Amino acid sequence: MTANLTRRRMLAAAGIGTAAAAFTGAASAQCRNDLKWDETHEIVVVGAGGAGMAAAVKAAQTGAKDILVLEKLAFTGGNTLIAQGFINAADPVRQPRQGIKDSPENHMKQTLAAGDFRGDPERVKVLCDNAYGAITWLESLGMKFKDNVIQIFGALYPRSHIPALPKGQGYGTVLTKAAKELGVQVRTGLGVTEIIREEQFAGRVIGVKVQPAKGPARFIRATKAVVLAAGPFHGVEVHVPAVGAQGEHLGLVGQAVLPAGGFPGNRYLRELHDPRVKGLGTDNLPGSTGEVAMAAVRVGAYLVGMDFIQSTPGAPAGKKMKLLLNFNVNGSIYVDKRGNRIVNEGERRDVIRDAVLGTPERYGYTVCDNTNFMSYDAVNRKAIMEGIKINEAWTAPTIRELAEKMGVDPDGLEKTIKRYNEVFVKNGRDDDFHKQPVNLTKRIEDGPFWACYTGMTVHHTMGGINTNVKAQALDWEGKVIPGLYAAGEITGGIHGTNRVGGNAVLDCFVFGQIAGENAAKEVA
């Protein structure tokens, strides 16, 4: 008690205040080795999304016999379930068939540059060197990808692999099946509120405190390691797919405002670090509230890159649905209400964000032709059709009629499409934005034509727990916290200021595997 009082006085004298004192005091209550454990397992994985399930499956494949996965939500899948599902990799099979030259080195170079060289080069190298291995590992579990790759929104290069099933359905299906076959236990509706370490900032991490929706808290011991793969620091206003009790995908629904689970500070945190996102919604699940990361901080983990917050196209303020026509940047354009093109479609996501929010209306529109529209999966096409019913998406046989339905200047949009087709595509260069991207190869000419609103929603926080190439969590001195691993969106320091589209799913499966394999090799 004396030590705690002294620490509080020191914090107050330094101007840090009683909030910080309460923060450290609360942590110390759970950092001890004399707890009465309710149950014990070799490895405890926190989060049943892509990274968590990859860690659990890989740990079992490596030899761990007793693995428990804890999921806060009522279903498994996490943000991977509602991700578009594209995953980047330099592919020695698919890309050469399409005449695309690529390599892990090229992937690494573009990833570092896209993040303004604020990503950790060592971890980025591991990410890109193991990208194709992640593809083949998933395929070995039964995952199916299409035979071609594309350049998706924000990917910067045509190396994005397309799941055969829409969105993240395929990943969840194969990982759940593999986990079951390997004897991994998965429990839903259990939120982790504290991470337990032998001492507050010293010794091994030895377990977690879990709070069920009903009933008393439980203490679960991990004799080998705890792997953190929970959601990051997003808000709670989301566009979600309908899911069944077992996490099966039932199709898209519109906007839903969901409770924050008692952690309203998530919106505060993201707006504190980047005030520009104030007022924007988010397209993530309600479990992405950051409390697991903050629990890690209370036992010594260090957060990095918290100011780097990414937004992607979504519903403008006051609109009901997140609608997307920009997955394949080749043949889709962004325009404003005057019909003018506002950005190079193959640009970085932060550049596109600034262009959209820089319009007088703070939103724009995405326009494409029928060839592009029909290349999208049935789930996304169905969402557009639902958007048409509420006047948030439009289709018409001609560009002029489309513009009139959109409320966009018809002369301006016709002029823009003509210039795009007859100058940019024909000449292979972008005279408006001084780029020569590989994406300008398809004319927008095959009617009917399609369009939807394009606002911005918070999509990804590049910040999170600092880790090393072994996926071990690090403290503020860069030292390993024994027995604690982290992978996926809960981590920071990999993507820098701006995440490349298609690299988040890759991050989950590369470092999820690494975390699981190394956790399994820990000595109990």
Foldseek 3Di string as FASTA:
>chain_A
DVVLVVVQVVCVVVVNDDVVSVLLVVQQVQAADPDDAPEEFAEEEEAQALLRLLLLLLLLVLPGQGYEYEAQALEGHFQQLAAQNWAFADDPQQQVVVVHDDDLVRLLVVLCVLQVNLFDSQQSSLLHVCRVVLVVVLVVLPWDWDSHFFAFFQQLGGGIIHTPDGGNQRSSVSSVVSCVVSVYHYDYQKDWQAFYHNGLQDHAGFWTWIDHPDDDIGTYTHNQFYEYEWAALFAFWAFDFDADSHGHGDFTDKTDGDDLVPQRCSLVQQCVLPVVQPPFAEHGHSRRHHSVQSNVVRSFWDKPQQSQFFKFWADDPPDIHGADLGGRVQFKFKAAQQQATQDRRSDHRVVVQCSCCVDPVQWIKMKGAPVSLVVDDPRRNVRLVVCVVVLQKDWDFDQQVRSVSVNGNSVNNVVNLCCLQPPCQVVQADPVHGGRGPRSPDRRDHDGMMMGMTHIHTYARQMATEADSLQFGAGPVRDGRGRYGYFARRHHRHSRNGGRPNSRSSRSNSNSSSNSSVSSVGDD
